C-alpha atoms as a PDB file:
ATOM      1  CA  LEU A   1      27.526 -24.450 -12.621  1.00  0.00           C
ATOM      2  CA  LEU A   2      24.189 -24.041 -14.402  1.00  0.00           C
ATOM      3  CA  ARG A   3      25.552 -25.819 -17.474  1.00  0.00           C
ATOM      4  CA  ASP A   4      26.789 -28.706 -15.328  1.00  0.00           C
ATOM      5  CA  CYS A   5      23.346 -28.930 -13.736  1.00  0.00           C
ATOM      6  CA  ALA A   6      21.669 -28.879 -17.161  1.00  0.00           C
ATOM      7  CA  THR A   7      23.965 -31.628 -18.469  1.00  0.00           C
ATOM      8  CA  ASN A   8      23.320 -33.853 -15.452  1.00  0.00           C
ATOM      9  CA  LYS A   9      26.857 -33.560 -14.069  1.00  0.00           C
ATOM     10  CA  ILE A  10      25.645 -32.021 -10.807  1.00  0.00           C
ATOM     11  CA  ASP A  11      22.569 -32.993  -8.831  1.00  0.00           C
ATOM     12  CA  CYS A  12      23.070 -30.950  -5.671  1.00  0.00           C
ATOM     13  CA  ILE A  13      24.314 -27.438  -4.940  1.00  0.00           C
ATOM     14  CA  ALA A  14      25.543 -26.860  -1.383  1.00  0.00           C
ATOM     15  CA  THR A  15      26.462 -23.350  -0.348  1.00  0.00           C
ATOM     16  CA  GLN A  16      26.807 -21.342   2.816  1.00  0.00           C
ATOM     17  CA  THR A  17      24.005 -18.868   2.054  1.00  0.00           C
ATOM     18  CA  LYS A  18      21.448 -18.199  -0.663  1.00  0.00           C
ATOM     19  CA  ALA A  19      23.449 -15.051  -1.461  1.00  0.00           C
ATOM     20  CA  TYR A  20      26.066 -17.307  -3.064  1.00  0.00           C
ATOM     21  CA  LEU A  21      23.417 -18.572  -5.483  1.00  0.00           C
ATOM     22  CA  ALA A  22      22.285 -15.161  -6.725  1.00  0.00           C
ATOM     23  CA  ALA A  23      23.012 -11.472  -6.283  1.00  0.00           C
ATOM     24  CA  ASN A  24      19.400 -10.392  -5.774  1.00  0.00           C
ATOM     25  CA  THR A  25      15.847 -11.689  -5.392  1.00  0.00           C
ATOM     26  CA  GLU A  26      15.081 -11.637  -9.108  1.00  0.00           C
ATOM     27  CA  GLU A  27      18.136 -13.661 -10.013  1.00  0.00           C
ATOM     28  CA  PHE A  28      17.483 -16.041  -7.111  1.00  0.00           C
ATOM     29  CA  PHE A  29      14.012 -16.840  -8.429  1.00  0.00           C
ATOM     30  CA  PHE A  30      15.308 -17.117 -12.003  1.00  0.00           C
ATOM     31  CA  VAL A  31      17.992 -19.590 -10.899  1.00  0.00           C
ATOM     32  CA  LEU A  32      15.513 -21.602  -8.839  1.00  0.00           C
ATOM     33  CA  PHE A  33      13.021 -21.753 -11.691  1.00  0.00           C
ATOM     34  CA  PHE A  34      15.749 -22.782 -14.141  1.00  0.00           C
ATOM     35  CA  LEU A  35      17.127 -25.505 -11.859  1.00  0.00           C
ATOM     36  CA  PHE A  36      13.779 -26.884 -10.717  1.00  0.00           C
ATOM     37  CA  SER A  37      12.498 -26.998 -14.319  1.00  0.00           C
ATOM     38  CA  LEU A  38      15.318 -29.240 -15.516  1.00  0.00           C
ATOM     39  CA  PRO A  39      14.352 -32.836 -16.325  1.00  0.00           C
ATOM     40  CA  ASN A  40      16.983 -34.089 -13.862  1.00  0.00           C
ATOM     41  CA  ARG A  41      16.441 -33.262 -10.194  1.00  0.00           C
ATOM     42  CA  ILE A  42      18.727 -30.621  -8.704  1.00  0.00           C
ATOM     43  CA  ASP A  43      18.708 -30.155  -4.939  1.00  0.00           C
ATOM     44  CA  ILE A  44      19.871 -27.100  -3.034  1.00  0.00           C
ATOM     45  CA  ILE A  45      21.276 -26.956   0.482  1.00  0.00           C
ATOM     46  CA  THR A  46      22.365 -23.843   2.380  1.00  0.00           C
ATOM     47  CA  GLU A  47      23.820 -23.484   5.848  1.00  0.00           C
ATOM     48  CA  ASP A  48      22.283 -20.054   6.387  1.00  0.00           C
ATOM     49  CA  ALA A  49      20.825 -19.861   9.896  1.00  0.00           C
ATOM     50  CA  ASP A  50      18.292 -17.207   8.856  1.00  0.00           C
ATOM     51  CA  TYR A  51      17.079 -18.788   5.621  1.00  0.00           C
ATOM     52  CA  ASN A  52      18.031 -22.444   5.535  1.00  0.00           C
ATOM     53  CA  ILE A  53      17.269 -24.330   2.342  1.00  0.00           C
ATOM     54  CA  ASN A  54      17.404 -28.103   2.163  1.00  0.00           C
ATOM     55  CA  THR A  55      15.431 -29.561  -0.717  1.00  0.00           C
ATOM     56  CA  ILE A  56      16.738 -33.052   0.004  1.00  0.00           C
ATOM     57  CA  GLU A  57      15.033 -33.200   3.399  1.00  0.00           C
ATOM     58  CA  ASN A  58      12.243 -31.063   1.909  1.00  0.00           C
ATOM     59  CA  LYS A  59      10.603 -30.295   5.241  1.00  0.00           C
ATOM     60  CA  GLU A  60       7.214 -28.660   4.797  1.00  0.00           C
ATOM     61  CA  SER A  61       7.508 -29.194   1.021  1.00  0.00           C
ATOM     62  CA  GLN A  62      10.166 -26.503   0.832  1.00  0.00           C
ATOM     63  CA  ARG A  63      11.187 -27.423  -2.726  1.00  0.00           C
ATOM     64  CA  GLU A  64       7.636 -27.103  -4.024  1.00  0.00           C
ATOM     65  CA  ALA A  65       7.118 -23.837  -2.142  1.00  0.00           C
ATOM     66  CA  LEU A  66      10.312 -22.331  -3.578  1.00  0.00           C
ATOM     67  CA  PHE A  67       9.363 -23.452  -7.089  1.00  0.00           C
ATOM     68  CA  ALA A  68       5.861 -21.970  -6.706  1.00  0.00           C
ATOM     69  CA  ALA A  69       7.339 -18.675  -5.452  1.00  0.00           C
ATOM     70  CA  ALA A  70       9.711 -18.580  -8.429  1.00  0.00           C
ATOM     71  CA  GLN A  71       6.848 -19.287 -10.839  1.00  0.00           C
ATOM     72  CA  LYS A  72       4.743 -16.530  -9.276  1.00  0.00           C
ATOM     73  CA  TYR A  73       7.627 -14.049  -9.433  1.00  0.00           C
ATOM     74  CA  ILE A  74       8.319 -14.835 -13.089  1.00  0.00           C
ATOM     75  CA  SER A  75       4.626 -14.658 -14.023  1.00  0.00           C
ATOM     76  CA  VAL A  76       4.619 -10.916 -13.260  1.00  0.00           C
ATOM     77  CA  GLU A  77       7.150 -10.151 -16.017  1.00  0.00           C
ATOM     78  CA  PRO A  78       7.887 -13.308 -18.005  1.00  0.00           C
ATOM     79  CA  ALA A  79       9.847 -11.387 -20.645  1.00  0.00           C
ATOM     80  CA  ARG A  80      12.536 -10.569 -18.062  1.00  0.00           C
ATOM     81  CA  TYR A  81      12.995 -14.286 -17.352  1.00  0.00           C
ATOM     82  CA  GLN A  82      13.121 -15.055 -21.076  1.00  0.00           C
ATOM     83  CA  GLU A  83      15.870 -12.426 -21.532  1.00  0.00           C
ATOM     84  CA  TRP A  84      17.810 -13.906 -18.613  1.00  0.00           C
ATOM     85  CA  LEU A  85      17.328 -17.439 -19.943  1.00  0.00           C
ATOM     86  CA  LYS A  86      18.497 -16.433 -23.413  1.00  0.00           C
ATOM     87  CA  ALA A  87      21.643 -14.854 -21.956  1.00  0.00           C
ATOM     88  CA  ILE A  88      22.310 -18.004 -19.902  1.00  0.00           C
ATOM     89  CA  ASN A  89      21.741 -20.300 -22.887  1.00  0.00           C
ATOM     90  CA  ASP A  90      23.940 -18.114 -25.121  1.00  0.00           C
ATOM     91  CA  LYS A  91      26.716 -18.281 -22.544  1.00  0.00           C
ATOM     92  CA  MET A  92      26.380 -22.048 -22.169  1.00  0.00           C
ATOM     93  CA  GLU A  93      26.507 -22.437 -25.953  1.00  0.00           C
ATOM     94  CA  SER A  94      29.664 -20.313 -26.156  1.00  0.00           C
ATOM     95  CA  LEU A  95      31.321 -22.619 -23.631  1.00  0.00           C
ATOM     96  CA  ASN A  96      30.655 -25.565 -25.959  1.00  0.00           C
ATOM     97  CA  ASP A  97      32.533 -23.866 -28.840  1.00  0.00           C
END
């Protein structure tokens, strides 16, 4: 999914809850930062009643707020994000082989 987003094959991810995007808070912020940093726009929509995400409607600048939260989270330990990103890039490269 991340590779398809990075190669501009997908521009929107719709899922029932944010839990389907990531297993924990750290991974959630890593995924958000990765997706929102891509040159092509990726939107996210969830149907979760408790934590609804809809970056297409972007009420109250939700997309920008999520990106800022991800940036802040990563700024605490940027090396952890770099390790995650390397693992993701390595995996995407192996899929191209």
